[in-house]
Amino acid sequence: MAHDHDNHDHDHEHELEEIVVLEDEEGNEHECAIYDFEFEGRTYAVLFPIDQPEQGGFVYKLDVDEAGEEILVEIEDDQEFERVVAFLESEED
């Protein structure tokens, strides 16, 4: 079950860990600032598109593949996604 990730707007500043370049389905590259955080014993990441800041952020799980490289994984469980977004919103206060 694929999860449709709604944009998560952030009106406040975070310490951004790094800039990553992602490629979309059409082969277009997008620079994103990535902010990672711990929640419920897992690491998550919010990506903020630098070229389109009005889009808000996109939330993913941060995982490690077989080669030991960090990868972004869609949050497929709707309840997990809602808990993560609620956590992020509570951090805004």
PDB file of N, CA and C in Angstrom:
ATOM      1  N   MET A   1       0.848  -1.183   0.000  1.00  0.00           N
ATOM      2  CA  MET A   1       0.000   0.000   0.000  1.00  0.00           C
ATOM      3  C   MET A   1       0.887   1.237   0.000  1.00  0.00           C
ATOM      4  N   ALA A   2       0.855   1.993  -1.027  1.00  0.00           N
ATOM      5  CA  ALA A   2       1.639   3.224  -1.098  1.00  0.00           C
ATOM      6  C   ALA A   2       0.924   4.315  -0.323  1.00  0.00           C
ATOM      7  N   HIS A   3       1.687   5.125   0.343  1.00  0.00           N
ATOM      8  CA  HIS A   3       1.108   6.213   1.120  1.00  0.00           C
ATOM      9  C   HIS A   3       1.246   7.508   0.353  1.00  0.00           C
ATOM     10  N   ASP A   4       0.153   8.197   0.207  1.00  0.00           N
ATOM     11  CA  ASP A   4       0.160   9.496  -0.457  1.00  0.00           C
ATOM     12  C   ASP A   4       0.632  10.522   0.560  1.00  0.00           C
ATOM     13  N   HIS A   5       1.848  11.006   0.380  1.00  0.00           N
ATOM     14  CA  HIS A   5       2.427  11.952   1.330  1.00  0.00           C
ATOM     15  C   HIS A   5       1.941  13.354   1.039  1.00  0.00           C
ATOM     16  N   ASP A   6       1.189  13.898   1.985  1.00  0.00           N
ATOM     17  CA  ASP A   6       0.797  15.290   1.881  1.00  0.00           C
ATOM     18  C   ASP A   6       1.996  16.143   2.253  1.00  0.00           C
ATOM     19  N   ASN A   7       2.033  17.333   1.734  1.00  0.00           N
ATOM     20  CA  ASN A   7       3.096  18.260   2.086  1.00  0.00           C
ATOM     21  C   ASN A   7       2.927  18.660   3.536  1.00  0.00           C
ATOM     22  N   HIS A   8       4.022  18.863   4.205  1.00  0.00           N
ATOM     23  CA  HIS A   8       3.996  19.307   5.588  1.00  0.00           C
ATOM     24  C   HIS A   8       4.667  20.666   5.632  1.00  0.00           C
ATOM     25  N   ASP A   9       3.885  21.704   5.836  1.00  0.00           N
ATOM     26  CA  ASP A   9       4.425  23.057   5.855  1.00  0.00           C
ATOM     27  C   ASP A   9       5.137  23.328   7.169  1.00  0.00           C
ATOM     28  N   HIS A  10       6.251  24.018   7.074  1.00  0.00           N
ATOM     29  CA  HIS A  10       6.995  24.434   8.245  1.00  0.00           C
ATOM     30  C   HIS A  10       7.231  25.919   8.130  1.00  0.00           C
ATOM     31  N   ASP A  11       6.737  26.666   9.117  1.00  0.00           N
ATOM     32  CA  ASP A  11       6.930  28.103   9.125  1.00  0.00           C
ATOM     33  C   ASP A  11       8.078  28.517  10.024  1.00  0.00           C
ATOM     34  N   HIS A  12       8.794  27.551  10.575  1.00  0.00           N
ATOM     35  CA  HIS A  12       9.877  27.865  11.476  1.00  0.00           C
ATOM     36  C   HIS A  12      11.176  27.270  10.948  1.00  0.00           C
ATOM     37  N   GLU A  13      12.271  27.680  11.571  1.00  0.00           N
ATOM     38  CA  GLU A  13      13.583  27.236  11.109  1.00  0.00           C
ATOM     39  C   GLU A  13      14.011  25.972  11.841  1.00  0.00           C
ATOM     40  N   HIS A  14      14.653  25.067  11.120  1.00  0.00           N
ATOM     41  CA  HIS A  14      15.275  23.877  11.683  1.00  0.00           C
ATOM     42  C   HIS A  14      16.753  23.945  11.361  1.00  0.00           C
ATOM     43  N   GLU A  15      17.536  23.202  12.149  1.00  0.00           N
ATOM     44  CA  GLU A  15      18.923  23.012  11.759  1.00  0.00           C
ATOM     45  C   GLU A  15      18.924  21.980  10.652  1.00  0.00           C
ATOM     46  N   LEU A  16      19.346  22.378   9.488  1.00  0.00           N
ATOM     47  CA  LEU A  16      19.332  21.475   8.357  1.00  0.00           C
ATOM     48  C   LEU A  16      20.647  20.725   8.297  1.00  0.00           C
ATOM     49  N   GLU A  17      20.544  19.428   8.176  1.00  0.00           N
ATOM     50  CA  GLU A  17      21.709  18.568   8.220  1.00  0.00           C
ATOM     51  C   GLU A  17      22.574  18.702   6.973  1.00  0.00           C
ATOM     52  N   GLU A  18      21.942  18.675   5.801  1.00  0.00           N
ATOM     53  CA  GLU A  18      22.703  18.685   4.561  1.00  0.00           C
ATOM     54  C   GLU A  18      21.772  18.972   3.391  1.00  0.00           C
ATOM     55  N   ILE A  19      22.368  19.125   2.241  1.00  0.00           N
ATOM     56  CA  ILE A  19      21.615  19.300   1.010  1.00  0.00           C
ATOM     57  C   ILE A  19      21.761  18.009   0.208  1.00  0.00           C
ATOM     58  N   VAL A  20      20.630  17.479  -0.267  1.00  0.00           N
ATOM     59  CA  VAL A  20      20.659  16.285  -1.104  1.00  0.00           C
ATOM     60  C   VAL A  20      20.006  16.623  -2.435  1.00  0.00           C
ATOM     61  N   VAL A  21      20.363  15.879  -3.470  1.00  0.00           N
ATOM     62  CA  VAL A  21      19.767  16.053  -4.784  1.00  0.00           C
ATOM     63  C   VAL A  21      18.949  14.816  -5.088  1.00  0.00           C
ATOM     64  N   LEU A  22      17.653  15.003  -5.333  1.00  0.00           N
ATOM     65  CA  LEU A  22      16.756  13.906  -5.660  1.00  0.00           C
ATOM     66  C   LEU A  22      16.329  14.012  -7.110  1.00  0.00           C
ATOM     67  N   GLU A  23      16.100  12.868  -7.712  1.00  0.00           N
ATOM     68  CA  GLU A  23      15.633  12.830  -9.093  1.00  0.00           C
ATOM     69  C   GLU A  23      14.188  12.347  -9.096  1.00  0.00           C
ATOM     70  N   ASP A  24      13.301  13.090  -9.786  1.00  0.00           N
ATOM     71  CA  ASP A  24      11.902  12.683  -9.859  1.00  0.00           C
ATOM     72  C   ASP A  24      11.690  11.695 -11.003  1.00  0.00           C
ATOM     73  N   GLU A  25      10.425  11.291 -11.190  1.00  0.00           N
ATOM     74  CA  GLU A  25      10.088  10.291 -12.200  1.00  0.00           C
ATOM     75  C   GLU A  25      10.444  10.726 -13.614  1.00  0.00           C
ATOM     76  N   GLU A  26      10.467  12.034 -13.864  1.00  0.00           N
ATOM     77  CA  GLU A  26      10.789  12.542 -15.200  1.00  0.00           C
ATOM     78  C   GLU A  26      12.279  12.787 -15.393  1.00  0.00           C
ATOM     79  N   GLY A  27      13.094  12.480 -14.380  1.00  0.00           N
ATOM     80  CA  GLY A  27      14.528  12.671 -14.493  1.00  0.00           C
ATOM     81  C   GLY A  27      15.002  14.058 -14.102  1.00  0.00           C
ATOM     82  N   ASN A  28      14.102  14.902 -13.594  1.00  0.00           N
ATOM     83  CA  ASN A  28      14.479  16.240 -13.145  1.00  0.00           C
ATOM     84  C   ASN A  28      15.116  16.156 -11.763  1.00  0.00           C
ATOM     85  N   GLU A  29      16.191  16.905 -11.577  1.00  0.00           N
ATOM     86  CA  GLU A  29      16.867  16.926 -10.289  1.00  0.00           C
ATOM     87  C   GLU A  29      16.355  18.086  -9.448  1.00  0.00           C
ATOM     88  N   HIS A  30      16.203  17.824  -8.139  1.00  0.00           N
ATOM     89  CA  HIS A  30      15.725  18.832  -7.204  1.00  0.00           C
ATOM     90  C   HIS A  30      16.638  18.833  -5.983  1.00  0.00           C
ATOM     91  N   GLU A  31      17.163  20.005  -5.623  1.00  0.00           N
ATOM     92  CA  GLU A  31      17.945  20.121  -4.405  1.00  0.00           C
ATOM     93  C   GLU A  31      16.992  20.256  -3.230  1.00  0.00           C
ATOM     94  N   CYS A  32      17.262  19.483  -2.183  1.00  0.00           N
ATOM     95  CA  CYS A  32      16.439  19.523  -0.979  1.00  0.00           C
ATOM     96  C   CYS A  32      17.327  19.639   0.247  1.00  0.00           C
ATOM     97  N   ALA A  33      16.897  20.456   1.174  1.00  0.00           N
ATOM     98  CA  ALA A  33      17.533  20.490   2.483  1.00  0.00           C
ATOM     99  C   ALA A  33      16.879  19.381   3.294  1.00  0.00           C
ATOM    100  N   ILE A  34      17.684  18.621   4.034  1.00  0.00           N
ATOM    101  CA  ILE A  34      17.139  17.500   4.790  1.00  0.00           C
ATOM    102  C   ILE A  34      17.338  17.740   6.281  1.00  0.00           C
ATOM    103  N   TYR A  35      16.279  17.510   7.031  1.00  0.00           N
ATOM    104  CA  TYR A  35      16.280  17.626   8.482  1.00  0.00           C
ATOM    105  C   TYR A  35      15.906  16.256   9.015  1.00  0.00           C
ATOM    106  N   ASP A  36      16.785  15.616   9.789  1.00  0.00           N
ATOM    107  CA  ASP A  36      16.413  14.319  10.331  1.00  0.00           C
ATOM    108  C   ASP A  36      16.185  14.414  11.835  1.00  0.00           C
ATOM    109  N   PHE A  37      15.377  13.493  12.350  1.00  0.00           N
ATOM    110  CA  PHE A  37      14.984  13.516  13.757  1.00  0.00           C
ATOM    111  C   PHE A  37      14.615  12.108  14.202  1.00  0.00           C
ATOM    112  N   GLU A  38      14.661  11.897  15.511  1.00  0.00           N
ATOM    113  CA  GLU A  38      14.290  10.618  16.111  1.00  0.00           C
ATOM    114  C   GLU A  38      12.863  10.699  16.635  1.00  0.00           C
ATOM    115  N   PHE A  39      12.118   9.623  16.432  1.00  0.00           N
ATOM    116  CA  PHE A  39      10.755   9.531  16.955  1.00  0.00           C
ATOM    117  C   PHE A  39      10.406   8.059  17.097  1.00  0.00           C
ATOM    118  N   GLU A  40       9.919   7.668  18.265  1.00  0.00           N
ATOM    119  CA  GLU A  40       9.515   6.294  18.548  1.00  0.00           C
ATOM    120  C   GLU A  40      10.611   5.286  18.180  1.00  0.00           C
ATOM    121  N   GLY A  41      11.872   5.647  18.457  1.00  0.00           N
ATOM    122  CA  GLY A  41      12.978   4.734  18.237  1.00  0.00           C
ATOM    123  C   GLY A  41      13.437   4.585  16.794  1.00  0.00           C
ATOM    124  N   ARG A  42      12.887   5.391  15.900  1.00  0.00           N
ATOM    125  CA  ARG A  42      13.262   5.349  14.479  1.00  0.00           C
ATOM    126  C   ARG A  42      13.770   6.719  14.061  1.00  0.00           C
ATOM    127  N   THR A  43      14.475   6.734  12.956  1.00  0.00           N
ATOM    128  CA  THR A  43      14.939   7.999  12.400  1.00  0.00           C
ATOM    129  C   THR A  43      14.080   8.348  11.187  1.00  0.00           C
ATOM    130  N   TYR A  44      13.629   9.586  11.148  1.00  0.00           N
ATOM    131  CA  TYR A  44      12.810  10.101  10.055  1.00  0.00           C
ATOM    132  C   TYR A  44      13.509  11.310   9.463  1.00  0.00           C
ATOM    133  N   ALA A  45      13.060  11.710   8.292  1.00  0.00           N
ATOM    134  CA  ALA A  45      13.638  12.882   7.641  1.00  0.00           C
ATOM    135  C   ALA A  45      12.535  13.699   6.983  1.00  0.00           C
ATOM    136  N   VAL A  46      12.692  15.006   7.043  1.00  0.00           N
ATOM    137  CA  VAL A  46      11.823  15.919   6.314  1.00  0.00           C
ATOM    138  C   VAL A  46      12.696  16.579   5.255  1.00  0.00           C
ATOM    139  N   LEU A  47      12.247  16.538   4.012  1.00  0.00           N
ATOM    140  CA  LEU A  47      12.969  17.161   2.909  1.00  0.00           C
ATOM    141  C   LEU A  47      12.235  18.421   2.491  1.00  0.00           C
ATOM    142  N   PHE A  48      12.982  19.512   2.403  1.00  0.00           N
ATOM    143  CA  PHE A  48      12.431  20.799   2.002  1.00  0.00           C
ATOM    144  C   PHE A  48      13.018  21.165   0.641  1.00  0.00           C
ATOM    145  N   PRO A  49      12.201  21.168  -0.422  1.00  0.00           N
ATOM    146  CA  PRO A  49      12.714  21.525  -1.757  1.00  0.00           C
ATOM    147  C   PRO A  49      13.226  22.964  -1.770  1.00  0.00           C
ATOM    148  N   ILE A  50      14.481  23.139  -2.146  1.00  0.00           N
ATOM    149  CA  ILE A  50      15.081  24.473  -2.177  1.00  0.00           C
ATOM    150  C   ILE A  50      14.531  25.285  -3.336  1.00  0.00           C
ATOM    151  N   ASP A  51      14.273  24.617  -4.474  1.00  0.00           N
ATOM    152  CA  ASP A  51      13.805  25.333  -5.653  1.00  0.00           C
ATOM    153  C   ASP A  51      12.310  25.643  -5.618  1.00  0.00           C
ATOM    154  N   GLN A  52      11.565  25.032  -4.676  1.00  0.00           N
ATOM    155  CA  GLN A  52      10.129  25.291  -4.551  1.00  0.00           C
ATOM    156  C   GLN A  52       9.730  25.282  -3.073  1.00  0.00           C
ATOM    157  N   PRO A  53      10.196  26.267  -2.303  1.00  0.00           N
ATOM    158  CA  PRO A  53       9.932  26.263  -0.859  1.00  0.00           C
ATOM    159  C   PRO A  53       8.449  26.338  -0.497  1.00  0.00           C
ATOM    160  N   GLU A  54       7.627  26.849  -1.413  1.00  0.00           N
ATOM    161  CA  GLU A  54       6.188  26.946  -1.133  1.00  0.00           C
ATOM    162  C   GLU A  54       5.523  25.575  -1.032  1.00  0.00           C
ATOM    163  N   GLN A  55       6.203  24.521  -1.486  1.00  0.00           N
ATOM    164  CA  GLN A  55       5.646  23.175  -1.416  1.00  0.00           C
ATOM    165  C   GLN A  55       5.644  22.613   0.000  1.00  0.00           C
ATOM    166  N   GLY A  56       6.420  23.176   0.905  1.00  0.00           N
ATOM    167  CA  GLY A  56       6.528  22.614   2.247  1.00  0.00           C
ATOM    168  C   GLY A  56       7.497  21.449   2.241  1.00  0.00           C
ATOM    169  N   GLY A  57       7.396  20.594   3.259  1.00  0.00           N
ATOM    170  CA  GLY A  57       8.317  19.480   3.395  1.00  0.00           C
ATOM    171  C   GLY A  57       7.665  18.147   3.108  1.00  0.00           C
ATOM    172  N   PHE A  58       8.500  17.155   2.829  1.00  0.00           N
ATOM    173  CA  PHE A  58       8.052  15.792   2.581  1.00  0.00           C
ATOM    174  C   PHE A  58       8.682  14.891   3.633  1.00  0.00           C
ATOM    175  N   VAL A  59       7.873  14.035   4.266  1.00  0.00           N
ATOM    176  CA  VAL A  59       8.319  13.223   5.392  1.00  0.00           C
ATOM    177  C   VAL A  59       8.579  11.785   4.940  1.00  0.00           C
ATOM    178  N   TYR A  60       9.738  11.240   5.337  1.00  0.00           N
ATOM    179  CA  TYR A  60      10.138   9.870   5.012  1.00  0.00           C
ATOM    180  C   TYR A  60      10.789   9.219   6.223  1.00  0.00           C
ATOM    181  N   LYS A  61      10.886   7.894   6.190  1.00  0.00           N
ATOM    182  CA  LYS A  61      11.720   7.165   7.141  1.00  0.00           C
ATOM    183  C   LYS A  61      13.135   7.184   6.589  1.00  0.00           C
ATOM    184  N   LEU A  62      14.106   7.249   7.456  1.00  0.00           N
ATOM    185  CA  LEU A  62      15.499   7.154   7.067  1.00  0.00           C
ATOM    186  C   LEU A  62      15.956   5.761   7.471  1.00  0.00           C
ATOM    187  N   ASP A  63      16.428   4.985   6.514  1.00  0.00           N
ATOM    188  CA  ASP A  63      16.811   3.604   6.771  1.00  0.00           C
ATOM    189  C   ASP A  63      18.206   3.367   6.201  1.00  0.00           C
ATOM    190  N   VAL A  64      18.722   2.171   6.384  1.00  0.00           N
ATOM    191  CA  VAL A  64      20.039   1.805   5.866  1.00  0.00           C
ATOM    192  C   VAL A  64      19.858   0.580   4.972  1.00  0.00           C
ATOM    193  N   ASP A  65      20.426   0.635   3.754  1.00  0.00           N
ATOM    194  CA  ASP A  65      20.306  -0.502   2.842  1.00  0.00           C
ATOM    195  C   ASP A  65      21.392  -1.541   3.111  1.00  0.00           C
ATOM    196  N   GLU A  66      21.414  -2.589   2.304  1.00  0.00           N
ATOM    197  CA  GLU A  66      22.358  -3.698   2.491  1.00  0.00           C
ATOM    198  C   GLU A  66      23.813  -3.237   2.407  1.00  0.00           C
ATOM    199  N   ALA A  67      24.067  -2.185   1.659  1.00  0.00           N
ATOM    200  CA  ALA A  67      25.430  -1.673   1.490  1.00  0.00           C
ATOM    201  C   ALA A  67      25.828  -0.706   2.608  1.00  0.00           C
ATOM    202  N   GLY A  68      24.919  -0.461   3.554  1.00  0.00           N
ATOM    203  CA  GLY A  68      25.211   0.454   4.644  1.00  0.00           C
ATOM    204  C   GLY A  68      24.956   1.909   4.323  1.00  0.00           C
ATOM    205  N   GLU A  69      24.321   2.173   3.170  1.00  0.00           N
ATOM    206  CA  GLU A  69      24.012   3.545   2.762  1.00  0.00           C
ATOM    207  C   GLU A  69      22.649   3.965   3.307  1.00  0.00           C
ATOM    208  N   GLU A  70      22.548   5.225   3.740  1.00  0.00           N
ATOM    209  CA  GLU A  70      21.253   5.744   4.180  1.00  0.00           C
ATOM    210  C   GLU A  70      20.338   5.925   2.976  1.00  0.00           C
ATOM    211  N   ILE A  71      19.084   5.524   3.137  1.00  0.00           N
ATOM    212  CA  ILE A  71      18.092   5.670   2.078  1.00  0.00           C
ATOM    213  C   ILE A  71      16.804   6.238   2.666  1.00  0.00           C
ATOM    214  N   LEU A  72      16.039   6.903   1.822  1.00  0.00           N
ATOM    215  CA  LEU A  72      14.724   7.412   2.207  1.00  0.00           C
ATOM    216  C   LEU A  72      13.677   6.380   1.828  1.00  0.00           C
ATOM    217  N   VAL A  73      12.760   6.104   2.765  1.00  0.00           N
ATOM    218  CA  VAL A  73      11.731   5.100   2.546  1.00  0.00           C
ATOM    219  C   VAL A  73      10.368   5.742   2.806  1.00  0.00           C
ATOM    220  N   GLU A  74       9.423   5.503   1.912  1.00  0.00           N
ATOM    221  CA  GLU A  74       8.066   6.015   2.132  1.00  0.00           C
ATOM    222  C   GLU A  74       7.484   5.420   3.398  1.00  0.00           C
ATOM    223  N   ILE A  75       6.708   6.219   4.108  1.00  0.00           N
ATOM    224  CA  ILE A  75       5.980   5.725   5.273  1.00  0.00           C
ATOM    225  C   ILE A  75       4.654   5.193   4.748  1.00  0.00           C
ATOM    226  N   GLU A  76       4.538   3.877   4.643  1.00  0.00           N
ATOM    227  CA  GLU A  76       3.362   3.268   4.032  1.00  0.00           C
ATOM    228  C   GLU A  76       2.196   3.119   4.999  1.00  0.00           C
ATOM    229  N   ASP A  77       2.464   3.082   6.281  1.00  0.00           N
ATOM    230  CA  ASP A  77       1.418   2.920   7.282  1.00  0.00           C
ATOM    231  C   ASP A  77       0.816   4.293   7.605  1.00  0.00           C
ATOM    232  N   ASP A  78      -0.475   4.459   7.311  1.00  0.00           N
ATOM    233  CA  ASP A  78      -1.138   5.749   7.526  1.00  0.00           C
ATOM    234  C   ASP A  78      -1.073   6.197   8.983  1.00  0.00           C
ATOM    235  N   GLN A  79      -1.254   5.278   9.920  1.00  0.00           N
ATOM    236  CA  GLN A  79      -1.228   5.639  11.343  1.00  0.00           C
ATOM    237  C   GLN A  79       0.164   6.099  11.772  1.00  0.00           C
ATOM    238  N   GLU A  80       1.189   5.421  11.294  1.00  0.00           N
ATOM    239  CA  GLU A  80       2.554   5.837  11.598  1.00  0.00           C
ATOM    240  C   GLU A  80       2.807   7.236  11.041  1.00  0.00           C
ATOM    241  N   PHE A  81       2.398   7.463   9.785  1.00  0.00           N
ATOM    242  CA  PHE A  81       2.585   8.766   9.163  1.00  0.00           C
ATOM    243  C   PHE A  81       1.887   9.861   9.978  1.00  0.00           C
ATOM    244  N   GLU A  82       0.651   9.601  10.416  1.00  0.00           N
ATOM    245  CA  GLU A  82      -0.099  10.591  11.194  1.00  0.00           C
ATOM    246  C   GLU A  82       0.580  10.880  12.530  1.00  0.00           C
ATOM    247  N   ARG A  83       1.143   9.846  13.192  1.00  0.00           N
ATOM    248  CA  ARG A  83       1.864  10.059  14.455  1.00  0.00           C
ATOM    249  C   ARG A  83       3.109  10.923  14.232  1.00  0.00           C
ATOM    250  N   VAL A  84       3.827  10.669  13.152  1.00  0.00           N
ATOM    251  CA  VAL A  84       5.036  11.436  12.856  1.00  0.00           C
ATOM    252  C   VAL A  84       4.683  12.892  12.585  1.00  0.00           C
ATOM    253  N   VAL A  85       3.661  13.134  11.780  1.00  0.00           N
ATOM    254  CA  VAL A  85       3.241  14.506  11.476  1.00  0.00           C
ATOM    255  C   VAL A  85       2.764  15.211  12.747  1.00  0.00           C
ATOM    256  N   ALA A  86       2.014  14.508  13.608  1.00  0.00           N
ATOM    257  CA  ALA A  86       1.560  15.102  14.861  1.00  0.00           C
ATOM    258  C   ALA A  86       2.756  15.475  15.743  1.00  0.00           C
ATOM    259  N   PHE A  87       3.781  14.621  15.759  1.00  0.00           N
ATOM    260  CA  PHE A  87       5.003  14.922  16.506  1.00  0.00           C
ATOM    261  C   PHE A  87       5.664  16.186  15.967  1.00  0.00           C
ATOM    262  N   LEU A  88       5.802  16.269  14.641  1.00  0.00           N
ATOM    263  CA  LEU A  88       6.424  17.451  14.026  1.00  0.00           C
ATOM    264  C   LEU A  88       5.621  18.712  14.348  1.00  0.00           C
ATOM    265  N   GLU A  89       4.314  18.618  14.287  1.00  0.00           N
ATOM    266  CA  GLU A  89       3.483  19.779  14.587  1.00  0.00           C
ATOM    267  C   GLU A  89       3.619  20.186  16.056  1.00  0.00           C
ATOM    268  N   SER A  90       3.774  19.210  16.957  1.00  0.00           N
ATOM    269  CA  SER A  90       3.938  19.537  18.378  1.00  0.00           C
ATOM    270  C   SER A  90       5.286  20.209  18.630  1.00  0.00           C
ATOM    271  N   GLU A  91       6.289  19.900  17.815  1.00  0.00           N
ATOM    272  CA  GLU A  91       7.597  20.515  17.930  1.00  0.00           C
ATOM    273  C   GLU A  91       7.576  21.976  17.485  1.00  0.00           C
ATOM    274  N   GLU A  92       6.575  22.358  16.705  1.00  0.00           N
ATOM    275  CA  GLU A  92       6.473  23.744  16.220  1.00  0.00           C
ATOM    276  C   GLU A  92       6.081  24.698  17.336  1.00  0.00           C
ATOM    277  N   ASP A  93       5.452  24.183  18.369  1.00  0.00           N
ATOM    278  CA  ASP A  93       4.971  25.050  19.459  1.00  0.00           C
ATOM    279  C   ASP A  93       6.061  25.559  20.346  1.00  0.00           C
TER     280      ASP A  93
END
